[in-house]
PDB file of all heavy atoms in Angstrom:
ATOM      1  N   LEU A   1      84.611  93.285  90.148  1.00  0.00           N
ATOM      2  CA  LEU A   1      84.511  92.630  91.439  1.00  0.00           C
ATOM      3  C   LEU A   1      83.328  91.681  91.554  1.00  0.00           C
ATOM      4  O   LEU A   1      82.846  91.436  92.656  1.00  0.00           O
ATOM      5  CB  LEU A   1      84.421  93.683  92.562  1.00  0.00           C
ATOM      6  CG  LEU A   1      85.668  94.572  92.675  1.00  0.00           C
ATOM      7  CD1 LEU A   1      85.401  95.680  93.679  1.00  0.00           C
ATOM      8  CD2 LEU A   1      86.869  93.791  93.115  1.00  0.00           C
ATOM      9  N   SER A   2      82.842  91.140  90.444  1.00  0.00           N
ATOM     10  CA  SER A   2      81.747  90.195  90.539  1.00  0.00           C
ATOM     11  C   SER A   2      82.180  88.940  91.306  1.00  0.00           C
ATOM     12  O   SER A   2      81.390  88.280  91.947  1.00  0.00           O
ATOM     13  CB  SER A   2      81.252  89.813  89.144  1.00  0.00           C
ATOM     14  OG  SER A   2      82.307  89.250  88.402  1.00  0.00           O
ATOM     15  N   ALA A   3      83.485  88.639  91.200  1.00  0.00           N
ATOM     16  CA  ALA A   3      84.014  87.518  91.985  1.00  0.00           C
ATOM     17  C   ALA A   3      85.352  87.894  92.595  1.00  0.00           C
ATOM     18  O   ALA A   3      86.158  87.037  92.906  1.00  0.00           O
ATOM     19  CB  ALA A   3      84.170  86.293  91.104  1.00  0.00           C
ATOM     20  N   VAL A   4      85.564  89.207  92.787  1.00  0.00           N
ATOM     21  CA  VAL A   4      86.916  89.660  93.065  1.00  0.00           C
ATOM     22  C   VAL A   4      87.458  89.214  94.410  1.00  0.00           C
ATOM     23  O   VAL A   4      88.650  89.085  94.593  1.00  0.00           O
ATOM     24  CB  VAL A   4      86.991  91.192  92.946  1.00  0.00           C
ATOM     25  CG1 VAL A   4      86.411  91.866  94.154  1.00  0.00           C
ATOM     26  CG2 VAL A   4      88.401  91.654  92.701  1.00  0.00           C
ATOM     27  N   ILE A   5      86.591  88.955  95.375  1.00  0.00           N
ATOM     28  CA  ILE A   5      87.064  88.586  96.696  1.00  0.00           C
ATOM     29  C   ILE A   5      86.995  87.083  96.936  1.00  0.00           C
ATOM     30  O   ILE A   5      87.732  86.533  97.729  1.00  0.00           O
ATOM     31  CB  ILE A   5      86.230  89.307  97.775  1.00  0.00           C
ATOM     32  CG1 ILE A   5      86.216  90.803  97.511  1.00  0.00           C
ATOM     33  CG2 ILE A   5      86.806  89.065  99.160  1.00  0.00           C
ATOM     34  CD1 ILE A   5      87.589  91.427  97.478  1.00  0.00           C
ATOM     35  N   ALA A   6      86.115  86.391  96.225  1.00  0.00           N
ATOM     36  CA  ALA A   6      85.787  85.014  96.566  1.00  0.00           C
ATOM     37  C   ALA A   6      87.021  84.129  96.707  1.00  0.00           C
ATOM     38  O   ALA A   6      87.182  83.439  97.707  1.00  0.00           O
ATOM     39  CB  ALA A   6      84.858  84.423  95.510  1.00  0.00           C
ATOM     40  N   LEU A   7      87.895  84.157  95.717  1.00  0.00           N
ATOM     41  CA  LEU A   7      89.105  83.329  95.802  1.00  0.00           C
ATOM     42  C   LEU A   7      90.120  83.914  96.754  1.00  0.00           C
ATOM     43  O   LEU A   7      90.888  83.187  97.389  1.00  0.00           O
ATOM     44  CB  LEU A   7      89.709  83.156  94.415  1.00  0.00           C
ATOM     45  CG  LEU A   7      88.831  82.442  93.389  1.00  0.00           C
ATOM     46  CD1 LEU A   7      89.571  82.315  92.072  1.00  0.00           C
ATOM     47  CD2 LEU A   7      88.434  81.076  93.906  1.00  0.00           C
ATOM     48  N   GLY A   8      90.142  85.212  96.864  1.00  0.00           N
ATOM     49  CA  GLY A   8      91.151  85.877  97.680  1.00  0.00           C
ATOM     50  C   GLY A   8      91.030  85.615  99.155  1.00  0.00           C
ATOM     51  O   GLY A   8      91.988  85.810  99.897  1.00  0.00           O
ATOM     52  N   LEU A   9      89.878  85.198  99.609  1.00  0.00           N
ATOM     53  CA  LEU A   9      89.684  84.956 101.031  1.00  0.00           C
ATOM     54  C   LEU A   9      89.997  83.516 101.422  1.00  0.00           C
ATOM     55  O   LEU A   9      89.779  83.123 102.565  1.00  0.00           O
ATOM     56  CB  LEU A   9      88.251  85.306 101.428  1.00  0.00           C
ATOM     57  CG  LEU A   9      87.910  86.799 101.314  1.00  0.00           C
ATOM     58  CD1 LEU A   9      86.443  87.009 101.622  1.00  0.00           C
ATOM     59  CD2 LEU A   9      88.778  87.636 102.226  1.00  0.00           C
ATOM     60  N   LEU A  10      90.504  82.738 100.490  1.00  0.00           N
ATOM     61  CA  LEU A  10      90.713  81.336 100.779  1.00  0.00           C
ATOM     62  C   LEU A  10      92.014  81.049 101.509  1.00  0.00           C
ATOM     63  O   LEU A  10      92.055  80.221 102.398  1.00  0.00           O
ATOM     64  CB  LEU A  10      90.664  80.526  99.464  1.00  0.00           C
ATOM     65  CG  LEU A  10      89.294  80.526  98.785  1.00  0.00           C
ATOM     66  CD1 LEU A  10      89.375  79.703  97.511  1.00  0.00           C
ATOM     67  CD2 LEU A  10      88.220  79.971  99.710  1.00  0.00           C
ATOM     68  N   SER A  11      93.106  81.733 101.117  1.00  0.00           N
ATOM     69  CA  SER A  11      94.365  81.390 101.755  1.00  0.00           C
ATOM     70  C   SER A  11      95.427  82.440 101.527  1.00  0.00           C
ATOM     71  O   SER A  11      95.382  83.175 100.549  1.00  0.00           O
ATOM     72  CB  SER A  11      94.888  80.045 101.218  1.00  0.00           C
ATOM     73  OG  SER A  11      95.159  80.160  99.841  1.00  0.00           O
ATOM     74  N   GLY A  12      96.379  82.510 102.475  1.00  0.00           N
ATOM     75  CA  GLY A  12      97.647  83.203 102.363  1.00  0.00           C
ATOM     76  C   GLY A  12      97.635  84.523 101.640  1.00  0.00           C
ATOM     77  O   GLY A  12      96.883  85.429 101.968  1.00  0.00           O
ATOM     78  N   CYS A  13      98.534  84.604 100.640  1.00  0.00           N
ATOM     79  CA  CYS A  13      98.746  85.844  99.890  1.00  0.00           C
ATOM     80  C   CYS A  13      97.464  86.277  99.185  1.00  0.00           C
ATOM     81  O   CYS A  13      97.153  87.455  99.120  1.00  0.00           O
ATOM     82  CB  CYS A  13      99.862  85.664  98.878  1.00  0.00           C
ATOM     83  SG  CYS A  13     100.199  87.125  97.879  1.00  0.00           S
ATOM     84  N   ALA A  14      96.728  85.304  98.641  1.00  0.00           N
ATOM     85  CA  ALA A  14      95.495  85.643  97.930  1.00  0.00           C
ATOM     86  C   ALA A  14      94.515  86.326  98.871  1.00  0.00           C
ATOM     87  O   ALA A  14      93.795  87.237  98.485  1.00  0.00           O
ATOM     88  CB  ALA A  14      94.875  84.383  97.332  1.00  0.00           C
ATOM     89  N   GLU A  15      94.479  85.903 100.126  1.00  0.00           N
ATOM     90  CA  GLU A  15      93.597  86.550 101.089  1.00  0.00           C
ATOM     91  C   GLU A  15      93.975  88.012 101.252  1.00  0.00           C
ATOM     92  O   GLU A  15      93.135  88.895 101.243  1.00  0.00           O
ATOM     93  CB  GLU A  15      93.653  85.832 102.430  1.00  0.00           C
ATOM     94  CG  GLU A  15      92.814  86.542 103.512  1.00  0.00           C
ATOM     95  CD  GLU A  15      92.797  85.770 104.821  1.00  0.00           C
ATOM     96  OE1 GLU A  15      93.182  84.605 104.815  1.00  0.00           O
ATOM     97  OE2 GLU A  15      92.395  86.345 105.826  1.00  0.00           O
ATOM     98  N   ARG A  16      95.282  88.273 101.402  1.00  0.00           N
ATOM     99  CA  ARG A  16      95.728  89.643 101.578  1.00  0.00           C
ATOM    100  C   ARG A  16      95.371  90.500 100.375  1.00  0.00           C
ATOM    101  O   ARG A  16      94.914  91.614 100.481  1.00  0.00           O
ATOM    102  CB  ARG A  16      97.244  89.637 101.812  1.00  0.00           C
ATOM    103  CG  ARG A  16      97.866  91.020 101.892  1.00  0.00           C
ATOM    104  CD  ARG A  16      97.311  91.836 103.045  1.00  0.00           C
ATOM    105  NE  ARG A  16      97.495  91.171 104.319  1.00  0.00           N
ATOM    106  CZ  ARG A  16      97.013  91.617 105.472  1.00  0.00           C
ATOM    107  NH1 ARG A  16      96.303  92.740 105.504  1.00  0.00           N
ATOM    108  NH2 ARG A  16      97.221  90.968 106.600  1.00  0.00           N
ATOM    109  N   LEU A  17      95.577  89.949  99.165  1.00  0.00           N
ATOM    110  CA  LEU A  17      95.256  90.688  97.957  1.00  0.00           C
ATOM    111  C   LEU A  17      93.772  90.999  97.889  1.00  0.00           C
ATOM    112  O   LEU A  17      93.373  92.104  97.566  1.00  0.00           O
ATOM    113  CB  LEU A  17      95.681  89.890  96.725  1.00  0.00           C
ATOM    114  CG  LEU A  17      97.185  89.810  96.448  1.00  0.00           C
ATOM    115  CD1 LEU A  17      97.456  88.763  95.379  1.00  0.00           C
ATOM    116  CD2 LEU A  17      97.720  91.156  96.028  1.00  0.00           C
ATOM    117  N   GLY A  18      92.944  90.018  98.209  1.00  0.00           N
ATOM    118  CA  GLY A  18      91.512  90.246  98.138  1.00  0.00           C
ATOM    119  C   GLY A  18      91.050  91.302  99.109  1.00  0.00           C
ATOM    120  O   GLY A  18      90.222  92.153  98.769  1.00  0.00           O
ATOM    121  N   VAL A  19      91.561  91.290 100.318  1.00  0.00           N
ATOM    122  CA  VAL A  19      91.162  92.280 101.321  1.00  0.00           C
ATOM    123  C   VAL A  19      91.662  93.667 100.922  1.00  0.00           C
ATOM    124  O   VAL A  19      90.946  94.651 101.056  1.00  0.00           O
ATOM    125  CB  VAL A  19      91.676  91.870 102.711  1.00  0.00           C
ATOM    126  CG1 VAL A  19      91.464  92.990 103.702  1.00  0.00           C
ATOM    127  CG2 VAL A  19      90.982  90.601 103.178  1.00  0.00           C
ATOM    128  N   ASP A  20      92.861  93.755 100.411  1.00  0.00           N
ATOM    129  CA  ASP A  20      93.391  95.042  99.968  1.00  0.00           C
ATOM    130  C   ASP A  20      92.519  95.655  98.881  1.00  0.00           C
ATOM    131  O   ASP A  20      92.273  96.856  98.858  1.00  0.00           O
ATOM    132  CB  ASP A  20      94.817  94.879  99.452  1.00  0.00           C
ATOM    133  CG  ASP A  20      95.845  94.781 100.575  1.00  0.00           C
ATOM    134  OD1 ASP A  20      95.430  94.888 101.743  1.00  0.00           O
ATOM    135  OD2 ASP A  20      97.032  94.598 100.281  1.00  0.00           O
ATOM    136  N   ILE A  21      92.066  94.807  97.976  1.00  0.00           N
ATOM    137  CA  ILE A  21      91.221  95.296  96.890  1.00  0.00           C
ATOM    138  C   ILE A  21      89.878  95.754  97.422  1.00  0.00           C
ATOM    139  O   ILE A  21      89.328  96.786  97.024  1.00  0.00           O
ATOM    140  CB  ILE A  21      91.065  94.219  95.805  1.00  0.00           C
ATOM    141  CG1 ILE A  21      92.412  94.026  95.082  1.00  0.00           C
ATOM    142  CG2 ILE A  21      89.992  94.595  94.800  1.00  0.00           C
ATOM    143  CD1 ILE A  21      92.483  92.779  94.249  1.00  0.00           C
ATOM    144  N   ALA A  22      89.311  94.999  98.362  1.00  0.00           N
ATOM    145  CA  ALA A  22      88.026  95.371  98.955  1.00  0.00           C
ATOM    146  C   ALA A  22      88.112  96.715  99.671  1.00  0.00           C
ATOM    147  O   ALA A  22      87.242  97.588  99.502  1.00  0.00           O
ATOM    148  CB  ALA A  22      87.569  94.287  99.923  1.00  0.00           C
ATOM    149  N   THR A  23      89.166  96.905 100.466  1.00  0.00           N
ATOM    150  CA  THR A  23      89.281  98.171 101.195  1.00  0.00           C
ATOM    151  C   THR A  23      89.646  99.309 100.250  1.00  0.00           C
ATOM    152  O   THR A  23      89.173 100.431 100.414  1.00  0.00           O
ATOM    153  CB  THR A  23      90.329  98.060 102.309  1.00  0.00           C
ATOM    154  OG1 THR A  23      91.593  97.656 101.770  1.00  0.00           O
ATOM    155  CG2 THR A  23      89.867  97.059 103.374  1.00  0.00           C
ATOM    156  N   GLY A  24      90.477  99.034  99.228  1.00  0.00           N
ATOM    157  CA  GLY A  24      90.821 100.071  98.266  1.00  0.00           C
ATOM    158  C   GLY A  24      89.613 100.529  97.485  1.00  0.00           C
ATOM    159  O   GLY A  24      89.396 101.733  97.280  1.00  0.00           O
ATOM    160  N   TYR A  25      88.823  99.566  97.006  1.00  0.00           N
ATOM    161  CA  TYR A  25      87.597  99.908  96.270  1.00  0.00           C
ATOM    162  C   TYR A  25      86.664 100.741  97.138  1.00  0.00           C
ATOM    163  O   TYR A  25      86.124 101.762  96.690  1.00  0.00           O
ATOM    164  CB  TYR A  25      86.897  98.629  95.820  1.00  0.00           C
ATOM    165  CG  TYR A  25      85.630  98.862  95.044  1.00  0.00           C
ATOM    166  CD1 TYR A  25      85.676  99.030  93.663  1.00  0.00           C
ATOM    167  CD2 TYR A  25      84.393  98.933  95.671  1.00  0.00           C
ATOM    168  CE1 TYR A  25      84.507  99.252  92.933  1.00  0.00           C
ATOM    169  CE2 TYR A  25      83.228  99.160  94.962  1.00  0.00           C
ATOM    170  CZ  TYR A  25      83.296  99.312  93.582  1.00  0.00           C
ATOM    171  OH  TYR A  25      82.134  99.548  92.869  1.00  0.00           O
ATOM    172  N   THR A  26      86.474 100.313  98.359  1.00  0.00           N
ATOM    173  CA  THR A  26      85.550 101.016  99.260  1.00  0.00           C
ATOM    174  C   THR A  26      86.004 102.448  99.515  1.00  0.00           C
ATOM    175  O   THR A  26      85.206 103.389  99.419  1.00  0.00           O
ATOM    176  CB  THR A  26      85.415 100.244 100.576  1.00  0.00           C
ATOM    177  OG1 THR A  26      84.960  98.918 100.304  1.00  0.00           O
ATOM    178  CG2 THR A  26      84.444 100.944 101.519  1.00  0.00           C
ATOM    179  N   ALA A  27      87.268 102.612  99.863  1.00  0.00           N
ATOM    180  CA  ALA A  27      87.776 103.948 100.172  1.00  0.00           C
ATOM    181  C   ALA A  27      87.645 104.880  98.971  1.00  0.00           C
ATOM    182  O   ALA A  27      87.195 106.024  99.095  1.00  0.00           O
ATOM    183  CB  ALA A  27      89.229 103.872 100.624  1.00  0.00           C
ATOM    184  N   LYS A  28      88.011 104.391  97.810  1.00  0.00           N
ATOM    185  CA  LYS A  28      87.961 105.225  96.602  1.00  0.00           C
ATOM    186  C   LYS A  28      86.525 105.583  96.243  1.00  0.00           C
ATOM    187  O   LYS A  28      86.213 106.749  95.940  1.00  0.00           O
ATOM    188  CB  LYS A  28      88.629 104.495  95.441  1.00  0.00           C
ATOM    189  CG  LYS A  28      88.464 105.167  94.076  1.00  0.00           C
ATOM    190  CD  LYS A  28      89.104 106.541  94.013  1.00  0.00           C
ATOM    191  CE  LYS A  28      88.923 107.169  92.659  1.00  0.00           C
ATOM    192  NZ  LYS A  28      87.508 107.428  92.319  1.00  0.00           N
ATOM    193  N   GLN A  29      85.633 104.614  96.228  1.00  0.00           N
ATOM    194  CA  GLN A  29      84.246 104.870  95.820  1.00  0.00           C
ATOM    195  C   GLN A  29      83.517 105.791  96.788  1.00  0.00           C
ATOM    196  O   GLN A  29      82.759 106.666  96.378  1.00  0.00           O
ATOM    197  CB  GLN A  29      83.490 103.560  95.647  1.00  0.00           C
ATOM    198  CG  GLN A  29      83.888 102.777  94.410  1.00  0.00           C
ATOM    199  CD  GLN A  29      83.719 103.581  93.141  1.00  0.00           C
ATOM    200  OE1 GLN A  29      84.683 104.121  92.612  1.00  0.00           O
ATOM    201  NE2 GLN A  29      82.496 103.669  92.655  1.00  0.00           N
ATOM    202  N   VAL A  30      83.732 105.584  98.075  1.00  0.00           N
ATOM    203  CA  VAL A  30      83.052 106.443  99.053  1.00  0.00           C
ATOM    204  C   VAL A  30      83.632 107.856  99.002  1.00  0.00           C
ATOM    205  O   VAL A  30      82.885 108.836  99.059  1.00  0.00           O
ATOM    206  CB  VAL A  30      83.164 105.847 100.465  1.00  0.00           C
ATOM    207  CG1 VAL A  30      82.580 106.809 101.500  1.00  0.00           C
ATOM    208  CG2 VAL A  30      82.411 104.507 100.541  1.00  0.00           C
ATOM    209  N   CYS A  31      84.941 107.979  98.868  1.00  0.00           N
ATOM    210  CA  CYS A  31      85.554 109.311  98.790  1.00  0.00           C
ATOM    211  C   CYS A  31      84.998 110.095  97.603  1.00  0.00           C
ATOM    212  O   CYS A  31      84.529 111.225  97.751  1.00  0.00           O
ATOM    213  CB  CYS A  31      87.080 109.179  98.679  1.00  0.00           C
ATOM    214  SG  CYS A  31      87.958 110.763  98.649  1.00  0.00           S
ATOM    215  N   SER A  32      85.032 109.493  96.423  1.00  0.00           N
ATOM    216  CA  SER A  32      84.530 110.204  95.247  1.00  0.00           C
ATOM    217  C   SER A  32      83.019 110.406  95.317  1.00  0.00           C
ATOM    218  O   SER A  32      82.505 111.442  94.898  1.00  0.00           O
ATOM    219  CB  SER A  32      84.895 109.428  93.972  1.00  0.00           C
ATOM    220  OG  SER A  32      86.287 109.393  93.773  1.00  0.00           O
ATOM    221  N   GLY A  33      82.310 109.426  95.849  1.00  0.00           N
ATOM    222  CA  GLY A  33      80.868 109.564  95.943  1.00  0.00           C
ATOM    223  C   GLY A  33      80.440 110.678  96.869  1.00  0.00           C
ATOM    224  O   GLY A  33      79.498 111.424  96.577  1.00  0.00           O
ATOM    225  N   VAL A  34      81.156 110.828  97.982  1.00  0.00           N
ATOM    226  CA  VAL A  34      80.799 111.852  98.967  1.00  0.00           C
ATOM    227  C   VAL A  34      81.345 113.221  98.586  1.00  0.00           C
ATOM    228  O   VAL A  34      80.602 114.218  98.550  1.00  0.00           O
ATOM    229  CB  VAL A  34      81.306 111.438 100.368  1.00  0.00           C
ATOM    230  CG1 VAL A  34      81.177 112.604 101.365  1.00  0.00           C
ATOM    231  CG2 VAL A  34      80.536 110.229 100.875  1.00  0.00           C
ATOM    232  N   PHE A  35      82.642 113.300  98.277  1.00  0.00           N
ATOM    233  CA  PHE A  35      83.280 114.601  98.100  1.00  0.00           C
ATOM    234  C   PHE A  35      83.197 115.134  96.675  1.00  0.00           C
ATOM    235  O   PHE A  35      83.255 116.345  96.482  1.00  0.00           O
ATOM    236  CB  PHE A  35      84.748 114.522  98.546  1.00  0.00           C
ATOM    237  CG  PHE A  35      84.919 114.334 100.016  1.00  0.00           C
ATOM    238  CD1 PHE A  35      85.425 113.133 100.516  1.00  0.00           C
ATOM    239  CD2 PHE A  35      84.559 115.323 100.905  1.00  0.00           C
ATOM    240  CE1 PHE A  35      85.580 112.945 101.883  1.00  0.00           C
ATOM    241  CE2 PHE A  35      84.703 115.139 102.285  1.00  0.00           C
ATOM    242  CZ  PHE A  35      85.214 113.954 102.774  1.00  0.00           C
ATOM    243  N   VAL A  36      83.080 114.266  95.689  1.00  0.00           N
ATOM    244  CA  VAL A  36      82.953 114.723  94.305  1.00  0.00           C
ATOM    245  C   VAL A  36      81.497 114.788  93.900  1.00  0.00           C
ATOM    246  O   VAL A  36      81.006 115.827  93.442  1.00  0.00           O
ATOM    247  CB  VAL A  36      83.742 113.803  93.343  1.00  0.00           C
ATOM    248  CG1 VAL A  36      83.537 114.266  91.894  1.00  0.00           C
ATOM    249  CG2 VAL A  36      85.225 113.819  93.690  1.00  0.00           C
ATOM    250  N   ALA A  37      80.782 113.671  94.045  1.00  0.00           N
ATOM    251  CA  ALA A  37      79.390 113.626  93.612  1.00  0.00           C
ATOM    252  C   ALA A  37      78.427 114.263  94.601  1.00  0.00           C
ATOM    253  O   ALA A  37      77.312 114.629  94.232  1.00  0.00           O
ATOM    254  CB  ALA A  37      78.970 112.176  93.352  1.00  0.00           C
ATOM    255  N   GLY A  38      78.851 114.388  95.861  1.00  0.00           N
ATOM    256  CA  GLY A  38      77.967 114.968  96.870  1.00  0.00           C
ATOM    257  C   GLY A  38      76.819 114.077  97.257  1.00  0.00           C
ATOM    258  O   GLY A  38      75.772 114.557  97.700  1.00  0.00           O
ATOM    259  N   LEU A  39      76.993 112.765  97.110  1.00  0.00           N
ATOM    260  CA  LEU A  39      75.939 111.816  97.453  1.00  0.00           C
ATOM    261  C   LEU A  39      76.053 111.395  98.908  1.00  0.00           C
ATOM    262  O   LEU A  39      77.142 111.434  99.494  1.00  0.00           O
ATOM    263  CB  LEU A  39      76.030 110.584  96.565  1.00  0.00           C
ATOM    264  CG  LEU A  39      75.760 110.831  95.070  1.00  0.00           C
ATOM    265  CD1 LEU A  39      76.091 109.585  94.259  1.00  0.00           C
ATOM    266  CD2 LEU A  39      74.305 111.237  94.851  1.00  0.00           C
ATOM    267  N   PRO A  40      74.950 110.967  99.523  1.00  0.00           N
ATOM    268  CA  PRO A  40      75.027 110.474 100.902  1.00  0.00           C
ATOM    269  C   PRO A  40      75.917 109.253 101.004  1.00  0.00           C
ATOM    270  O   PRO A  40      75.884 108.376 100.133  1.00  0.00           O
ATOM    271  CB  PRO A  40      73.565 110.130 101.224  1.00  0.00           C
ATOM    272  CG  PRO A  40      72.743 110.882 100.234  1.00  0.00           C
ATOM    273  CD  PRO A  40      73.569 110.961  98.998  1.00  0.00           C
ATOM    274  N   GLU A  41      76.698 109.171 102.061  1.00  0.00           N
ATOM    275  CA  GLU A  41      77.600 108.035 102.232  1.00  0.00           C
ATOM    276  C   GLU A  41      76.852 106.721 102.245  1.00  0.00           C
ATOM    277  O   GLU A  41      77.308 105.735 101.652  1.00  0.00           O
ATOM    278  CB  GLU A  41      78.397 108.198 103.517  1.00  0.00           C
ATOM    279  CG  GLU A  41      79.354 107.058 103.790  1.00  0.00           C
ATOM    280  CD  GLU A  41      80.144 107.241 105.074  1.00  0.00           C
ATOM    281  OE1 GLU A  41      80.579 108.380 105.342  1.00  0.00           O
ATOM    282  OE2 GLU A  41      80.328 106.251 105.790  1.00  0.00           O
ATOM    283  N   ASP A  42      75.692 106.677 102.900  1.00  0.00           N
ATOM    284  CA  ASP A  42      74.980 105.402 103.000  1.00  0.00           C
ATOM    285  C   ASP A  42      74.473 104.931 101.639  1.00  0.00           C
ATOM    286  O   ASP A  42      74.360 103.731 101.378  1.00  0.00           O
ATOM    287  CB  ASP A  42      73.849 105.474 104.010  1.00  0.00           C
ATOM    288  CG  ASP A  42      72.785 106.509 103.676  1.00  0.00           C
ATOM    289  OD1 ASP A  42      72.992 107.295 102.719  1.00  0.00           O
ATOM    290  OD2 ASP A  42      71.758 106.565 104.361  1.00  0.00           O
TER     291      ASP A  42
END
């Protein structure tokens, strides 16, 4: 994700794909970080 959203926020379908990836990454990382690793959410 070093540039994973940059192009996706420009237009149409690419925008949807970029946002989906951003929310998917966030949900997965926070879930595993909190419930598996036991780390603070922040």
